[in-house]
Amino acid sequence: MSDNPNPGNTGSPGPGYYRDPSGVMRWWDGARWTDSVQNSGPSPSAPQPPPSRPPEKSHTLRNVLLALIAVFVLAIGGCVALLAFAGNEVNEAIESAEVDDAAPGGPDNPLTIAEGQPFEVSGFQYAPGWSVTQDALGDVQVEGLRVTNARDETDGAIVEIKFMNGNEVVALVNCTTEQIQVGQTTSLNCVGADDFPATYDRITINDAF
């Protein structure tokens, strides 16, 4: 590279930007070329490719989470509905049991009966002809008590026969049967361990449960 920006002239030009031998506008300090070149402005920019479309986000995880949430909500809703249904069934069962317990002959409402006479307790029909006796040990017994299942389903009788003197139970006999099919008649097995009462004013019967 020539040290003179004007090689044809014998004199050295003053400092300034001149075209160097390579054709670049470079700073001449009056004695030599420097590294400073003149910024001739940005060159025409090449056409830029159109901006690429941002990659679509994958919603797989989001969809899975939404599905799990939906299943969870449905499960919770199903559990709530099931609990509500179960609670309603329990309430109905309790109400039905309370009605049965309060019915004549139910656990809470003993039915007064007369020796040898027929009676009915909650769909169990007891036949006439039964009697109150005293065994060899002097204990009170009930004999010949028979029952027919007139309920809607197979069931067994478990009853208490009480000998009352006023509000006092002076003797108790427990009577039971096996499971009785609808319409079937069977005898009750009655067992008493109390002495035959010297006096009593009435006999009652009630379901034990």
C-alpha atoms as a PDB file:
ATOM      1  CA  MET A   1       0.000   0.000   0.000  1.00  0.00           C
ATOM      2  CA  SER A   2       1.417   3.381  -1.037  1.00  0.00           C
ATOM      3  CA  ASP A   3       2.156   5.838   1.709  1.00  0.00           C
ATOM      4  CA  ASN A   4       0.855   8.680  -0.407  1.00  0.00           C
ATOM      5  CA  PRO A   5      -2.847   9.126  -1.123  1.00  0.00           C
ATOM      6  CA  ASN A   6      -1.887  11.113  -4.232  1.00  0.00           C
ATOM      7  CA  PRO A   7       1.015   9.152  -5.668  1.00  0.00           C
ATOM      8  CA  GLY A   8       1.080  11.351  -8.744  1.00  0.00           C
ATOM      9  CA  ASN A   9       1.837  14.446  -6.677  1.00  0.00           C
ATOM     10  CA  THR A  10       5.189  15.074  -5.077  1.00  0.00           C
ATOM     11  CA  GLY A  11       3.673  16.887  -2.107  1.00  0.00           C
ATOM     12  CA  SER A  12       1.932  15.063   0.742  1.00  0.00           C
ATOM     13  CA  PRO A  13      -1.718  16.108   1.244  1.00  0.00           C
ATOM     14  CA  GLY A  14      -3.007  17.192   4.595  1.00  0.00           C
ATOM     15  CA  PRO A  15      -4.786  14.887   6.993  1.00  0.00           C
ATOM     16  CA  GLY A  16      -8.150  13.612   5.861  1.00  0.00           C
ATOM     17  CA  TYR A  17     -10.054  10.703   4.391  1.00  0.00           C
ATOM     18  CA  TYR A  18      -8.718   9.588   1.060  1.00  0.00           C
ATOM     19  CA  ARG A  19      -9.206   6.539  -1.062  1.00  0.00           C
ATOM     20  CA  ASP A  20      -6.370   4.142  -0.313  1.00  0.00           C
ATOM     21  CA  PRO A  21      -4.842   1.858  -2.959  1.00  0.00           C
ATOM     22  CA  SER A  22      -7.466  -0.782  -2.163  1.00  0.00           C
ATOM     23  CA  GLY A  23     -10.264   1.697  -2.841  1.00  0.00           C
ATOM     24  CA  VAL A  24     -11.327   2.165   0.811  1.00  0.00           C
ATOM     25  CA  MET A  25     -11.825   5.636   2.217  1.00  0.00           C
ATOM     26  CA  ARG A  26      -9.123   5.659   4.934  1.00  0.00           C
ATOM     27  CA  TRP A  27      -7.752   8.384   7.226  1.00  0.00           C
ATOM     28  CA  TRP A  28      -4.490   9.899   6.135  1.00  0.00           C
ATOM     29  CA  ASP A  29      -2.737  11.637   9.035  1.00  0.00           C
ATOM     30  CA  GLY A  30      -0.507  13.658   6.755  1.00  0.00           C
ATOM     31  CA  ALA A  31       2.299  11.151   6.806  1.00  0.00           C
ATOM     32  CA  ARG A  32       0.792   7.645   6.677  1.00  0.00           C
ATOM     33  CA  TRP A  33      -2.427   5.685   6.504  1.00  0.00           C
ATOM     34  CA  THR A  34      -4.171   4.838   9.738  1.00  0.00           C
ATOM     35  CA  ASP A  35      -6.543   1.999  10.615  1.00  0.00           C
ATOM     36  CA  SER A  36      -9.502   4.362  10.695  1.00  0.00           C
ATOM     37  CA  VAL A  37     -11.757   4.005   7.710  1.00  0.00           C
ATOM     38  CA  GLN A  38     -14.731   6.128   6.788  1.00  0.00           C
ATOM     39  CA  ASN A  39     -18.164   4.663   7.424  1.00  0.00           C
ATOM     40  CA  SER A  40     -19.847   4.940   4.129  1.00  0.00           C
ATOM     41  CA  GLY A  41     -23.188   3.851   5.572  1.00  0.00           C
ATOM     42  CA  PRO A  42     -24.740   0.474   5.759  1.00  0.00           C
ATOM     43  CA  SER A  43     -24.660  -1.609   2.678  1.00  0.00           C
ATOM     44  CA  PRO A  44     -27.958  -2.487   1.142  1.00  0.00           C
ATOM     45  CA  SER A  45     -29.419  -5.207   3.248  1.00  0.00           C
ATOM     46  CA  ALA A  46     -30.201  -8.525   1.704  1.00  0.00           C
ATOM     47  CA  PRO A  47     -33.843  -9.542   1.583  1.00  0.00           C
ATOM     48  CA  GLN A  48     -34.831 -11.027   4.892  1.00  0.00           C
ATOM     49  CA  PRO A  49     -36.730 -14.272   4.942  1.00  0.00           C
ATOM     50  CA  PRO A  50     -40.250 -13.973   6.288  1.00  0.00           C
ATOM     51  CA  PRO A  51     -40.431 -14.559  10.033  1.00  0.00           C
ATOM     52  CA  SER A  52     -40.909 -18.183  10.744  1.00  0.00           C
ATOM     53  CA  ARG A  53     -44.190 -19.215  12.357  1.00  0.00           C
ATOM     54  CA  PRO A  54     -43.648 -19.848  16.042  1.00  0.00           C
ATOM     55  CA  PRO A  55     -43.920 -23.518  16.843  1.00  0.00           C
ATOM     56  CA  GLU A  56     -47.308 -24.504  18.116  1.00  0.00           C
ATOM     57  CA  LYS A  57     -47.406 -25.336  21.784  1.00  0.00           C
ATOM     58  CA  SER A  58     -48.321 -28.859  22.714  1.00  0.00           C
ATOM     59  CA  HIS A  59     -51.464 -29.006  24.854  1.00  0.00           C
ATOM     60  CA  THR A  60     -51.195 -32.707  25.584  1.00  0.00           C
ATOM     61  CA  LEU A  61     -50.256 -32.218  29.234  1.00  0.00           C
ATOM     62  CA  ARG A  62     -52.944 -29.598  29.707  1.00  0.00           C
ATOM     63  CA  ASN A  63     -55.562 -31.866  28.141  1.00  0.00           C
ATOM     64  CA  VAL A  64     -54.515 -34.777  30.336  1.00  0.00           C
ATOM     65  CA  LEU A  65     -54.750 -32.597  33.439  1.00  0.00           C
ATOM     66  CA  LEU A  66     -58.167 -31.313  32.409  1.00  0.00           C
ATOM     67  CA  ALA A  67     -59.336 -34.884  31.847  1.00  0.00           C
ATOM     68  CA  LEU A  68     -58.067 -35.936  35.265  1.00  0.00           C
ATOM     69  CA  ILE A  69     -59.771 -32.959  36.883  1.00  0.00           C
ATOM     70  CA  ALA A  70     -63.015 -33.841  35.116  1.00  0.00           C
ATOM     71  CA  VAL A  71     -62.780 -37.453  36.299  1.00  0.00           C
ATOM     72  CA  PHE A  72     -62.033 -36.255  39.836  1.00  0.00           C
ATOM     73  CA  VAL A  73     -64.998 -33.887  39.823  1.00  0.00           C
ATOM     74  CA  LEU A  74     -67.285 -36.626  38.492  1.00  0.00           C
ATOM     75  CA  ALA A  75     -65.957 -39.041  41.101  1.00  0.00           C
ATOM     76  CA  ILE A  76     -66.546 -36.530  43.882  1.00  0.00           C
ATOM     77  CA  GLY A  77     -70.005 -35.824  42.507  1.00  0.00           C
ATOM     78  CA  GLY A  78     -70.703 -39.569  42.336  1.00  0.00           C
ATOM     79  CA  CYS A  79     -69.512 -40.047  45.913  1.00  0.00           C
ATOM     80  CA  VAL A  80     -71.668 -37.173  47.106  1.00  0.00           C
ATOM     81  CA  ALA A  81     -74.661 -38.597  45.266  1.00  0.00           C
ATOM     82  CA  LEU A  82     -73.927 -42.064  46.644  1.00  0.00           C
ATOM     83  CA  LEU A  83     -73.574 -40.710  50.170  1.00  0.00           C
ATOM     84  CA  ALA A  84     -76.799 -38.753  49.780  1.00  0.00           C
ATOM     85  CA  PHE A  85     -78.562 -41.876  48.500  1.00  0.00           C
ATOM     86  CA  ALA A  86     -77.100 -44.014  51.304  1.00  0.00           C
ATOM     87  CA  GLY A  87     -78.031 -41.375  53.865  1.00  0.00           C
ATOM     88  CA  ASN A  88     -81.568 -41.281  52.535  1.00  0.00           C
ATOM     89  CA  GLU A  89     -81.786 -45.088  52.683  1.00  0.00           C
ATOM     90  CA  VAL A  90     -80.482 -45.095  56.255  1.00  0.00           C
ATOM     91  CA  ASN A  91     -82.969 -42.428  57.277  1.00  0.00           C
ATOM     92  CA  GLU A  92     -85.827 -44.378  55.720  1.00  0.00           C
ATOM     93  CA  ALA A  93     -84.668 -47.566  57.446  1.00  0.00           C
ATOM     94  CA  ILE A  94     -84.489 -45.770  60.789  1.00  0.00           C
ATOM     95  CA  GLU A  95     -87.938 -44.272  60.323  1.00  0.00           C
ATOM     96  CA  SER A  96     -89.350 -47.656  59.324  1.00  0.00           C
ATOM     97  CA  ALA A  97     -87.728 -49.331  62.358  1.00  0.00           C
ATOM     98  CA  GLU A  98     -89.116 -46.663  64.653  1.00  0.00           C
ATOM     99  CA  VAL A  99     -92.596 -47.218  63.247  1.00  0.00           C
ATOM    100  CA  ASP A 100     -92.263 -50.996  63.696  1.00  0.00           C
ATOM    101  CA  ASP A 101     -90.929 -50.600  67.243  1.00  0.00           C
ATOM    102  CA  ALA A 102     -93.888 -48.419  68.172  1.00  0.00           C
ATOM    103  CA  ALA A 103     -96.491 -50.728  66.582  1.00  0.00           C
ATOM    104  CA  PRO A 104     -98.540 -53.009  68.896  1.00  0.00           C
ATOM    105  CA  GLY A 105     -96.269 -55.877  69.869  1.00  0.00           C
ATOM    106  CA  GLY A 106     -93.141 -53.969  68.856  1.00  0.00           C
ATOM    107  CA  PRO A 107     -90.165 -53.680  71.246  1.00  0.00           C
ATOM    108  CA  ASP A 108     -91.416 -50.315  72.498  1.00  0.00           C
ATOM    109  CA  ASN A 109     -95.107 -51.205  72.712  1.00  0.00           C
ATOM    110  CA  PRO A 110     -95.910 -54.617  74.280  1.00  0.00           C
ATOM    111  CA  LEU A 111     -99.268 -56.067  73.233  1.00  0.00           C
ATOM    112  CA  THR A 112    -101.593 -57.366  75.947  1.00  0.00           C
ATOM    113  CA  ILE A 113    -102.800 -60.888  75.130  1.00  0.00           C
ATOM    114  CA  ALA A 114    -105.187 -63.377  76.766  1.00  0.00           C
ATOM    115  CA  GLU A 115    -104.301 -66.997  77.428  1.00  0.00           C
ATOM    116  CA  GLY A 116    -105.463 -69.266  74.612  1.00  0.00           C
ATOM    117  CA  GLN A 117    -106.634 -66.393  72.377  1.00  0.00           C
ATOM    118  CA  PRO A 118    -105.245 -65.579  68.886  1.00  0.00           C
ATOM    119  CA  PHE A 119    -103.361 -62.349  68.214  1.00  0.00           C
ATOM    120  CA  GLU A 120    -101.119 -60.775  65.587  1.00  0.00           C
ATOM    121  CA  VAL A 121     -97.796 -58.973  65.867  1.00  0.00           C
ATOM    122  CA  SER A 122     -96.324 -57.231  62.805  1.00  0.00           C
ATOM    123  CA  GLY A 123     -97.577 -59.751  60.258  1.00  0.00           C
ATOM    124  CA  PHE A 124     -97.014 -62.824  62.425  1.00  0.00           C
ATOM    125  CA  GLN A 125    -100.384 -64.462  63.150  1.00  0.00           C
ATOM    126  CA  TYR A 126    -100.466 -66.447  66.394  1.00  0.00           C
ATOM    127  CA  ALA A 127    -103.037 -69.233  66.581  1.00  0.00           C
ATOM    128  CA  PRO A 128    -105.476 -69.866  69.464  1.00  0.00           C
ATOM    129  CA  GLY A 129    -105.180 -72.771  71.873  1.00  0.00           C
ATOM    130  CA  TRP A 130    -101.923 -71.915  73.655  1.00  0.00           C
ATOM    131  CA  SER A 131    -101.657 -72.179  77.428  1.00  0.00           C
ATOM    132  CA  VAL A 132     -99.638 -71.070  80.438  1.00  0.00           C
ATOM    133  CA  THR A 133     -98.267 -73.937  82.535  1.00  0.00           C
ATOM    134  CA  GLN A 134     -95.861 -74.721  85.352  1.00  0.00           C
ATOM    135  CA  ASP A 135     -93.046 -77.219  84.850  1.00  0.00           C
ATOM    136  CA  ALA A 136     -91.718 -79.758  87.346  1.00  0.00           C
ATOM    137  CA  LEU A 137     -89.301 -77.185  88.773  1.00  0.00           C
ATOM    138  CA  GLY A 138     -92.056 -74.682  89.344  1.00  0.00           C
ATOM    139  CA  ASP A 139     -90.960 -72.414  86.447  1.00  0.00           C
ATOM    140  CA  VAL A 140     -93.541 -70.699  84.269  1.00  0.00           C
ATOM    141  CA  GLN A 141     -93.940 -72.090  80.742  1.00  0.00           C
ATOM    142  CA  VAL A 142     -95.972 -71.292  77.593  1.00  0.00           C
ATOM    143  CA  GLU A 143     -97.064 -74.298  75.560  1.00  0.00           C
ATOM    144  CA  GLY A 144     -98.775 -74.835  72.225  1.00  0.00           C
ATOM    145  CA  LEU A 145     -98.030 -71.375  70.799  1.00  0.00           C
ATOM    146  CA  ARG A 146     -98.044 -71.544  66.981  1.00  0.00           C
ATOM    147  CA  VAL A 147     -97.415 -68.797  64.431  1.00  0.00           C
ATOM    148  CA  THR A 148     -98.001 -68.265  60.697  1.00  0.00           C
ATOM    149  CA  ASN A 149     -95.741 -65.951  58.679  1.00  0.00           C
ATOM    150  CA  ALA A 150     -98.048 -63.531  56.872  1.00  0.00           C
ATOM    151  CA  ARG A 151     -95.236 -61.090  56.132  1.00  0.00           C
ATOM    152  CA  ASP A 152     -93.824 -60.320  52.675  1.00  0.00           C
ATOM    153  CA  GLU A 153     -90.604 -62.282  53.202  1.00  0.00           C
ATOM    154  CA  THR A 154     -89.075 -65.182  55.082  1.00  0.00           C
ATOM    155  CA  ASP A 155     -88.471 -64.256  58.710  1.00  0.00           C
ATOM    156  CA  GLY A 156     -88.243 -65.710  62.215  1.00  0.00           C
ATOM    157  CA  ALA A 157     -90.040 -64.825  65.435  1.00  0.00           C
ATOM    158  CA  ILE A 158     -88.080 -63.821  68.545  1.00  0.00           C
ATOM    159  CA  VAL A 159     -90.512 -62.598  71.204  1.00  0.00           C
ATOM    160  CA  GLU A 160     -90.768 -62.005  74.923  1.00  0.00           C
ATOM    161  CA  ILE A 161     -93.885 -63.004  76.848  1.00  0.00           C
ATOM    162  CA  LYS A 162     -94.083 -61.120  80.110  1.00  0.00           C
ATOM    163  CA  PHE A 163     -96.309 -61.717  83.134  1.00  0.00           C
ATOM    164  CA  MET A 164     -97.089 -58.317  84.619  1.00  0.00           C
ATOM    165  CA  ASN A 165     -98.323 -57.277  88.041  1.00  0.00           C
ATOM    166  CA  GLY A 166     -99.040 -53.606  87.614  1.00  0.00           C
ATOM    167  CA  ASN A 167     -95.850 -52.154  86.094  1.00  0.00           C
ATOM    168  CA  GLU A 168     -93.676 -54.983  87.431  1.00  0.00           C
ATOM    169  CA  VAL A 169     -92.488 -57.892  85.313  1.00  0.00           C
ATOM    170  CA  VAL A 170     -92.956 -60.875  87.644  1.00  0.00           C
ATOM    171  CA  ALA A 171     -91.992 -63.573  85.115  1.00  0.00           C
ATOM    172  CA  LEU A 172     -90.513 -63.746  81.613  1.00  0.00           C
ATOM    173  CA  VAL A 173     -90.673 -66.431  78.910  1.00  0.00           C
ATOM    174  CA  ASN A 174     -88.568 -66.198  75.705  1.00  0.00           C
ATOM    175  CA  CYS A 175     -90.009 -67.766  72.538  1.00  0.00           C
ATOM    176  CA  THR A 176     -88.262 -68.281  69.192  1.00  0.00           C
ATOM    177  CA  THR A 177     -88.679 -70.003  65.829  1.00  0.00           C
ATOM    178  CA  GLU A 178     -86.448 -70.902  62.901  1.00  0.00           C
ATOM    179  CA  GLN A 179     -86.766 -68.855  59.714  1.00  0.00           C
ATOM    180  CA  ILE A 180     -90.354 -69.241  58.505  1.00  0.00           C
ATOM    181  CA  GLN A 181     -91.233 -69.015  54.831  1.00  0.00           C
ATOM    182  CA  VAL A 182     -94.158 -66.848  53.785  1.00  0.00           C
ATOM    183  CA  GLY A 183     -97.429 -68.644  54.529  1.00  0.00           C
ATOM    184  CA  GLN A 184     -95.774 -71.351  56.629  1.00  0.00           C
ATOM    185  CA  THR A 185     -96.931 -72.212  60.176  1.00  0.00           C
ATOM    186  CA  THR A 186     -94.635 -73.492  62.932  1.00  0.00           C
ATOM    187  CA  SER A 187     -94.502 -73.886  66.713  1.00  0.00           C
ATOM    188  CA  LEU A 188     -92.501 -71.558  68.923  1.00  0.00           C
ATOM    189  CA  ASN A 189     -89.891 -72.911  71.304  1.00  0.00           C
ATOM    190  CA  CYS A 190     -90.627 -71.181  74.597  1.00  0.00           C
ATOM    191  CA  VAL A 191     -88.267 -71.275  77.573  1.00  0.00           C
ATOM    192  CA  GLY A 192     -88.886 -69.707  80.971  1.00  0.00           C
ATOM    193  CA  ALA A 193     -86.525 -69.660  83.956  1.00  0.00           C
ATOM    194  CA  ASP A 194     -88.672 -67.645  86.366  1.00  0.00           C
ATOM    195  CA  ASP A 195     -90.921 -69.135  89.043  1.00  0.00           C
ATOM    196  CA  PHE A 196     -94.573 -69.324  88.181  1.00  0.00           C
ATOM    197  CA  PRO A 197     -95.862 -65.998  89.515  1.00  0.00           C
ATOM    198  CA  ALA A 198     -98.157 -66.143  92.540  1.00  0.00           C
ATOM    199  CA  THR A 199    -100.178 -63.360  91.022  1.00  0.00           C
ATOM    200  CA  TYR A 200    -100.244 -61.373  87.794  1.00  0.00           C
ATOM    201  CA  ASP A 201    -102.849 -59.135  86.191  1.00  0.00           C
ATOM    202  CA  ARG A 202    -101.957 -59.408  82.514  1.00  0.00           C
ATOM    203  CA  ILE A 203     -99.763 -61.103  79.926  1.00  0.00           C
ATOM    204  CA  THR A 204     -97.955 -59.117  77.232  1.00  0.00           C
ATOM    205  CA  ILE A 205     -95.900 -60.034  74.174  1.00  0.00           C
ATOM    206  CA  ASN A 206     -93.385 -57.988  72.203  1.00  0.00           C
ATOM    207  CA  ASP A 207     -90.670 -58.532  69.625  1.00  0.00           C
ATOM    208  CA  ALA A 208     -87.284 -58.821  71.291  1.00  0.00           C
ATOM    209  CA  PHE A 209     -85.676 -56.764  68.460  1.00  0.00           C
END
